[in-house]
């Protein structure tokens, strides 16, 4: 087996272990990496781990921003139109960031809740 193929296989395994919904935590990942005997493979594995960690941070920031938009919009809607009914609350809970931002702009001019949601 060539070194390049082995490096590729390590990359695939680490990516799978961290992205496939497994509950592999950072400690376990580092334990696996430290068991690799080749210095080059260990460096490659650390590079992959760093990249995946950065992607995880980015996803966390995006989720936090989305949740913040949702909370602000919910407060604005409640203040302007009263508490949300179940259907509207569910719509708000399942909206993506772009949709929340759009609704956040619409609330400024909307006269009804339906106008906010574009119905």
N, C-alpha and C. Protein backbone atom coordinates (compact mmCIF):
# COMPACT_ATOMS: atom_id res chain seq x y z
N UNK A 1 0.85 -1.17 0.00
CA UNK A 1 0.00 0.00 0.00
C UNK A 1 0.90 1.24 0.00
N UNK A 2 0.60 2.17 -0.89
CA UNK A 2 1.42 3.37 -0.96
C UNK A 2 1.09 4.31 0.18
N UNK A 3 2.04 5.17 0.49
CA UNK A 3 1.86 6.14 1.56
C UNK A 3 0.72 7.10 1.24
N UNK A 4 0.62 7.49 -0.03
CA UNK A 4 -0.44 8.41 -0.46
C UNK A 4 -1.82 7.78 -0.25
N UNK A 5 -1.95 6.51 -0.60
CA UNK A 5 -3.22 5.81 -0.42
C UNK A 5 -3.55 5.69 1.07
N UNK A 6 -2.57 5.39 1.89
CA UNK A 6 -2.78 5.29 3.32
C UNK A 6 -3.22 6.63 3.90
N UNK A 7 -2.59 7.73 3.47
CA UNK A 7 -2.98 9.07 3.91
C UNK A 7 -4.42 9.35 3.53
N UNK A 8 -4.78 9.01 2.33
CA UNK A 8 -6.15 9.21 1.85
C UNK A 8 -7.14 8.40 2.69
N UNK A 9 -6.80 7.18 3.01
CA UNK A 9 -7.68 6.33 3.82
C UNK A 9 -7.84 6.88 5.23
N UNK A 10 -6.76 7.41 5.80
CA UNK A 10 -6.85 8.02 7.13
C UNK A 10 -7.77 9.23 7.07
N UNK A 11 -7.64 10.04 6.03
CA UNK A 11 -8.50 11.23 5.87
C UNK A 11 -9.97 10.81 5.79
N UNK A 12 -10.27 9.81 5.01
CA UNK A 12 -11.64 9.33 4.87
C UNK A 12 -12.17 8.82 6.21
N UNK A 13 -11.38 8.05 6.92
CA UNK A 13 -11.81 7.50 8.21
C UNK A 13 -12.07 8.59 9.23
N UNK A 14 -11.17 9.55 9.34
CA UNK A 14 -11.36 10.62 10.31
C UNK A 14 -12.56 11.49 9.95
N UNK A 15 -12.72 11.77 8.68
CA UNK A 15 -13.87 12.55 8.25
C UNK A 15 -15.16 11.81 8.56
N UNK A 16 -15.19 10.53 8.28
CA UNK A 16 -16.37 9.73 8.58
C UNK A 16 -16.67 9.72 10.08
N UNK A 17 -15.64 9.49 10.87
CA UNK A 17 -15.83 9.40 12.31
C UNK A 17 -16.37 10.69 12.92
N UNK A 18 -16.01 11.82 12.35
CA UNK A 18 -16.43 13.08 12.94
C UNK A 18 -17.69 13.65 12.31
N UNK A 19 -18.04 13.24 11.09
CA UNK A 19 -19.19 13.83 10.41
C UNK A 19 -20.38 12.90 10.29
N UNK A 20 -20.23 11.65 10.52
CA UNK A 20 -21.30 10.70 10.25
C UNK A 20 -22.27 10.53 11.41
N UNK A 21 -22.32 11.53 12.27
CA UNK A 21 -23.28 11.45 13.37
C UNK A 21 -22.79 10.61 14.53
N UNK A 22 -21.54 10.19 14.47
CA UNK A 22 -20.99 9.43 15.60
C UNK A 22 -20.75 10.38 16.76
N UNK A 23 -20.63 9.84 17.91
CA UNK A 23 -20.41 10.66 19.09
C UNK A 23 -18.93 10.68 19.46
N UNK A 24 -18.09 10.74 18.46
CA UNK A 24 -16.65 10.78 18.69
C UNK A 24 -16.29 12.16 19.23
N UNK A 25 -15.79 12.21 20.46
CA UNK A 25 -15.44 13.50 21.03
C UNK A 25 -13.97 13.81 20.73
N UNK A 26 -13.57 15.01 21.09
CA UNK A 26 -12.22 15.47 20.81
C UNK A 26 -11.16 14.57 21.44
N UNK A 27 -11.38 14.16 22.68
CA UNK A 27 -10.41 13.30 23.37
C UNK A 27 -10.20 11.99 22.61
N UNK A 28 -11.29 11.37 22.18
CA UNK A 28 -11.19 10.10 21.45
C UNK A 28 -10.47 10.29 20.13
N UNK A 29 -10.77 11.41 19.45
CA UNK A 29 -10.11 11.68 18.17
C UNK A 29 -8.60 11.83 18.38
N UNK A 30 -8.20 12.58 19.42
CA UNK A 30 -6.77 12.75 19.68
C UNK A 30 -6.10 11.44 20.10
N UNK A 31 -6.82 10.60 20.79
CA UNK A 31 -6.28 9.29 21.16
C UNK A 31 -5.99 8.47 19.91
N UNK A 32 -6.94 8.49 18.97
CA UNK A 32 -6.75 7.76 17.71
C UNK A 32 -5.55 8.32 16.96
N UNK A 33 -5.46 9.65 16.89
CA UNK A 33 -4.35 10.29 16.17
C UNK A 33 -3.02 9.95 16.81
N UNK A 34 -2.95 9.96 18.14
CA UNK A 34 -1.69 9.68 18.83
C UNK A 34 -1.23 8.25 18.66
N UNK A 35 -2.15 7.35 18.32
CA UNK A 35 -1.77 5.96 18.10
C UNK A 35 -1.15 5.75 16.71
N UNK A 36 -1.29 6.74 15.84
CA UNK A 36 -0.67 6.66 14.52
C UNK A 36 0.83 6.80 14.70
N UNK A 37 1.59 5.89 14.11
CA UNK A 37 3.04 5.90 14.32
C UNK A 37 3.78 6.76 13.32
N UNK A 38 3.27 6.93 12.12
CA UNK A 38 3.95 7.73 11.11
C UNK A 38 3.78 9.21 11.42
N UNK A 39 4.89 9.94 11.44
CA UNK A 39 4.86 11.37 11.71
C UNK A 39 4.03 12.10 10.67
N UNK A 40 4.23 11.75 9.39
CA UNK A 40 3.48 12.42 8.33
C UNK A 40 1.98 12.15 8.46
N UNK A 41 1.62 10.92 8.74
CA UNK A 41 0.21 10.59 8.90
C UNK A 41 -0.38 11.30 10.12
N UNK A 42 0.41 11.41 11.18
CA UNK A 42 -0.06 12.11 12.38
C UNK A 42 -0.30 13.58 12.06
N UNK A 43 0.60 14.20 11.31
CA UNK A 43 0.42 15.60 10.91
C UNK A 43 -0.81 15.76 10.02
N UNK A 44 -1.01 14.83 9.11
CA UNK A 44 -2.18 14.87 8.23
C UNK A 44 -3.46 14.72 9.05
N UNK A 45 -3.45 13.80 10.00
CA UNK A 45 -4.62 13.59 10.84
C UNK A 45 -4.92 14.82 11.69
N UNK A 46 -3.88 15.48 12.23
CA UNK A 46 -4.09 16.70 13.01
C UNK A 46 -4.64 17.81 12.13
N UNK A 47 -4.16 17.90 10.91
CA UNK A 47 -4.65 18.90 9.96
C UNK A 47 -6.14 18.69 9.68
N UNK A 48 -6.51 17.45 9.49
CA UNK A 48 -7.93 17.12 9.24
C UNK A 48 -8.75 17.46 10.48
N UNK A 49 -8.25 17.11 11.65
CA UNK A 49 -8.97 17.39 12.89
C UNK A 49 -9.16 18.89 13.07
N UNK A 50 -8.13 19.67 12.78
CA UNK A 50 -8.24 21.13 12.89
C UNK A 50 -9.27 21.68 11.92
N UNK A 51 -9.26 21.16 10.71
CA UNK A 51 -10.22 21.60 9.69
C UNK A 51 -11.65 21.28 10.13
N UNK A 52 -11.86 20.08 10.64
CA UNK A 52 -13.20 19.69 11.08
C UNK A 52 -13.64 20.50 12.30
N UNK A 53 -12.71 20.82 13.18
CA UNK A 53 -13.02 21.64 14.35
C UNK A 53 -13.44 23.04 13.90
N UNK A 54 -12.73 23.60 12.92
CA UNK A 54 -13.07 24.92 12.39
C UNK A 54 -14.46 24.90 11.76
N UNK A 55 -14.77 23.84 11.01
CA UNK A 55 -16.10 23.72 10.40
C UNK A 55 -17.17 23.64 11.49
N UNK A 56 -16.89 22.94 12.56
CA UNK A 56 -17.83 22.84 13.67
C UNK A 56 -18.07 24.18 14.33
N UNK A 57 -17.00 24.97 14.49
CA UNK A 57 -17.15 26.31 15.06
C UNK A 57 -18.02 27.18 14.17
N UNK A 58 -17.79 27.10 12.86
CA UNK A 58 -18.57 27.90 11.91
C UNK A 58 -20.05 27.53 11.99
N UNK A 59 -20.33 26.25 12.03
CA UNK A 59 -21.73 25.80 12.15
C UNK A 59 -22.35 26.30 13.44
N UNK A 60 -21.59 26.27 14.51
CA UNK A 60 -22.09 26.76 15.80
C UNK A 60 -22.40 28.25 15.75
N UNK A 61 -21.53 29.02 15.10
CA UNK A 61 -21.79 30.46 14.97
C UNK A 61 -23.05 30.71 14.16
N UNK A 62 -23.23 29.97 13.07
CA UNK A 62 -24.41 30.14 12.23
C UNK A 62 -25.69 29.76 12.99
N UNK A 63 -25.63 28.67 13.74
CA UNK A 63 -26.79 28.26 14.54
C UNK A 63 -27.10 29.30 15.61
N UNK A 64 -26.07 29.87 16.22
CA UNK A 64 -26.27 30.90 17.23
C UNK A 64 -26.88 32.16 16.64
N UNK A 65 -26.42 32.52 15.47
CA UNK A 65 -26.99 33.70 14.80
C UNK A 65 -28.46 33.46 14.45
N UNK A 66 -28.75 32.28 13.95
CA UNK A 66 -30.13 31.94 13.60
C UNK A 66 -31.02 31.96 14.84
N UNK A 67 -30.55 31.41 15.93
CA UNK A 67 -31.34 31.40 17.16
C UNK A 67 -31.55 32.82 17.68
N UNK A 68 -30.52 33.68 17.56
CA UNK A 68 -30.66 35.07 17.98
C UNK A 68 -31.70 35.80 17.15
N UNK A 69 -31.65 35.59 15.84
CA UNK A 69 -32.66 36.21 14.95
C UNK A 69 -34.06 35.75 15.34
N UNK A 70 -34.19 34.46 15.62
CA UNK A 70 -35.49 33.89 15.98
C UNK A 70 -36.02 34.51 17.28
N UNK A 71 -35.16 34.65 18.27
CA UNK A 71 -35.58 35.20 19.56
C UNK A 71 -35.99 36.66 19.43
N UNK A 72 -35.22 37.45 18.71
CA UNK A 72 -35.56 38.86 18.52
C UNK A 72 -36.87 39.00 17.77
N UNK A 73 -37.02 38.24 16.69
CA UNK A 73 -38.25 38.31 15.91
C UNK A 73 -39.45 37.89 16.75
N UNK A 74 -39.30 36.87 17.55
CA UNK A 74 -40.40 36.42 18.41
C UNK A 74 -40.81 37.53 19.38
N UNK A 75 -39.82 38.21 19.96
CA UNK A 75 -40.14 39.31 20.88
C UNK A 75 -40.82 40.47 20.15
N UNK A 76 -40.34 40.80 18.96
CA UNK A 76 -40.95 41.89 18.20
C UNK A 76 -42.39 41.56 17.80
N UNK A 77 -42.60 40.33 17.36
CA UNK A 77 -43.96 39.90 16.98
C UNK A 77 -44.89 39.96 18.19
N UNK A 78 -44.41 39.45 19.32
CA UNK A 78 -45.25 39.44 20.52
C UNK A 78 -45.60 40.87 20.94
N UNK A 79 -44.66 41.76 20.82
CA UNK A 79 -44.92 43.15 21.21
C UNK A 79 -45.89 43.84 20.26
N UNK A 80 -45.77 43.53 18.98
CA UNK A 80 -46.60 44.22 17.99
C UNK A 80 -47.97 43.56 17.80
N UNK A 81 -48.01 42.22 17.84
CA UNK A 81 -49.26 41.51 17.51
C UNK A 81 -49.78 40.62 18.64
N UNK A 82 -49.06 40.50 19.72
CA UNK A 82 -49.45 39.59 20.79
C UNK A 82 -48.74 38.25 20.63
N UNK A 83 -48.97 37.38 21.58
CA UNK A 83 -48.30 36.07 21.56
C UNK A 83 -48.68 35.28 20.32
N UNK A 84 -47.73 34.50 19.84
CA UNK A 84 -47.94 33.68 18.64
C UNK A 84 -48.83 32.47 18.92
N UNK A 85 -49.65 32.13 17.93
CA UNK A 85 -50.40 30.87 18.02
C UNK A 85 -49.45 29.72 17.71
N UNK A 86 -49.91 28.52 17.93
CA UNK A 86 -49.07 27.32 17.76
C UNK A 86 -48.49 27.22 16.34
N UNK A 87 -49.33 27.42 15.33
CA UNK A 87 -48.88 27.27 13.93
C UNK A 87 -47.81 28.30 13.61
N UNK A 88 -48.03 29.55 14.01
CA UNK A 88 -47.04 30.60 13.74
C UNK A 88 -45.74 30.35 14.51
N UNK A 89 -45.86 29.87 15.73
CA UNK A 89 -44.67 29.56 16.52
C UNK A 89 -43.86 28.44 15.86
N UNK A 90 -44.54 27.44 15.37
CA UNK A 90 -43.85 26.34 14.68
C UNK A 90 -43.18 26.83 13.41
N UNK A 91 -43.85 27.70 12.69
CA UNK A 91 -43.26 28.29 11.48
C UNK A 91 -41.98 29.04 11.84
N UNK A 92 -42.03 29.80 12.90
CA UNK A 92 -40.87 30.54 13.37
C UNK A 92 -39.75 29.59 13.81
N UNK A 93 -40.12 28.54 14.53
CA UNK A 93 -39.12 27.58 15.03
C UNK A 93 -38.39 26.83 13.92
N UNK A 94 -39.04 26.63 12.79
CA UNK A 94 -38.45 25.83 11.71
C UNK A 94 -37.91 26.67 10.56
N UNK A 95 -37.92 27.98 10.72
CA UNK A 95 -37.45 28.87 9.65
C UNK A 95 -35.93 28.90 9.60
N UNK A 96 -35.41 29.05 8.40
CA UNK A 96 -33.98 29.22 8.22
C UNK A 96 -33.58 30.68 8.43
N UNK A 97 -32.29 30.94 8.42
CA UNK A 97 -31.77 32.27 8.70
C UNK A 97 -32.27 33.30 7.69
N UNK A 98 -32.24 32.97 6.41
CA UNK A 98 -32.70 33.92 5.39
C UNK A 98 -34.16 34.30 5.59
N UNK A 99 -34.97 33.32 5.89
CA UNK A 99 -36.40 33.57 6.10
C UNK A 99 -36.61 34.45 7.34
N UNK A 100 -35.88 34.16 8.40
CA UNK A 100 -35.99 34.96 9.62
C UNK A 100 -35.58 36.41 9.36
N UNK A 101 -34.51 36.59 8.61
CA UNK A 101 -34.06 37.95 8.28
C UNK A 101 -35.11 38.69 7.47
N UNK A 102 -35.71 38.00 6.51
CA UNK A 102 -36.76 38.59 5.68
C UNK A 102 -37.95 39.01 6.54
N UNK A 103 -38.39 38.14 7.42
CA UNK A 103 -39.51 38.45 8.31
C UNK A 103 -39.16 39.60 9.25
N UNK A 104 -37.90 39.65 9.68
CA UNK A 104 -37.45 40.73 10.55
C UNK A 104 -37.56 42.08 9.87
N UNK A 105 -37.32 42.12 8.58
CA UNK A 105 -37.48 43.37 7.83
C UNK A 105 -38.96 43.68 7.59
N UNK A 106 -39.74 42.67 7.31
CA UNK A 106 -41.17 42.88 7.03
C UNK A 106 -41.93 43.39 8.24
N UNK A 107 -41.51 43.00 9.44
CA UNK A 107 -42.27 43.38 10.63
C UNK A 107 -42.31 44.90 10.81
N UNK A 108 -41.33 45.59 10.26
CA UNK A 108 -41.29 47.04 10.41
C UNK A 108 -42.49 47.72 9.77
N UNK A 109 -42.97 47.20 8.64
CA UNK A 109 -44.08 47.82 7.92
C UNK A 109 -45.38 47.04 8.01
N UNK A 110 -45.32 45.82 8.51
CA UNK A 110 -46.50 44.94 8.50
C UNK A 110 -47.58 45.46 9.44
N UNK A 111 -48.80 45.34 8.97
CA UNK A 111 -49.97 45.71 9.78
C UNK A 111 -50.62 44.47 10.40
N UNK A 112 -50.29 43.29 9.86
CA UNK A 112 -50.81 42.04 10.39
C UNK A 112 -49.69 41.00 10.45
N UNK A 113 -49.91 39.99 11.23
CA UNK A 113 -48.94 38.90 11.33
C UNK A 113 -48.79 38.19 9.98
N UNK A 114 -49.89 38.09 9.24
CA UNK A 114 -49.86 37.45 7.92
C UNK A 114 -48.91 38.19 6.98
N UNK A 115 -48.85 39.52 7.10
CA UNK A 115 -47.94 40.30 6.25
C UNK A 115 -46.47 40.00 6.62
N UNK A 116 -46.23 39.74 7.89
CA UNK A 116 -44.86 39.41 8.31
C UNK A 116 -44.43 38.10 7.64
N UNK A 117 -45.30 37.10 7.69
CA UNK A 117 -44.96 35.80 7.14
C UNK A 117 -45.20 35.73 5.63
N UNK A 118 -45.68 36.79 5.03
CA UNK A 118 -45.87 36.83 3.57
C UNK A 118 -47.01 35.97 3.10
N UNK A 119 -48.04 35.89 3.90
CA UNK A 119 -49.19 35.04 3.54
C UNK A 119 -50.28 35.86 2.89
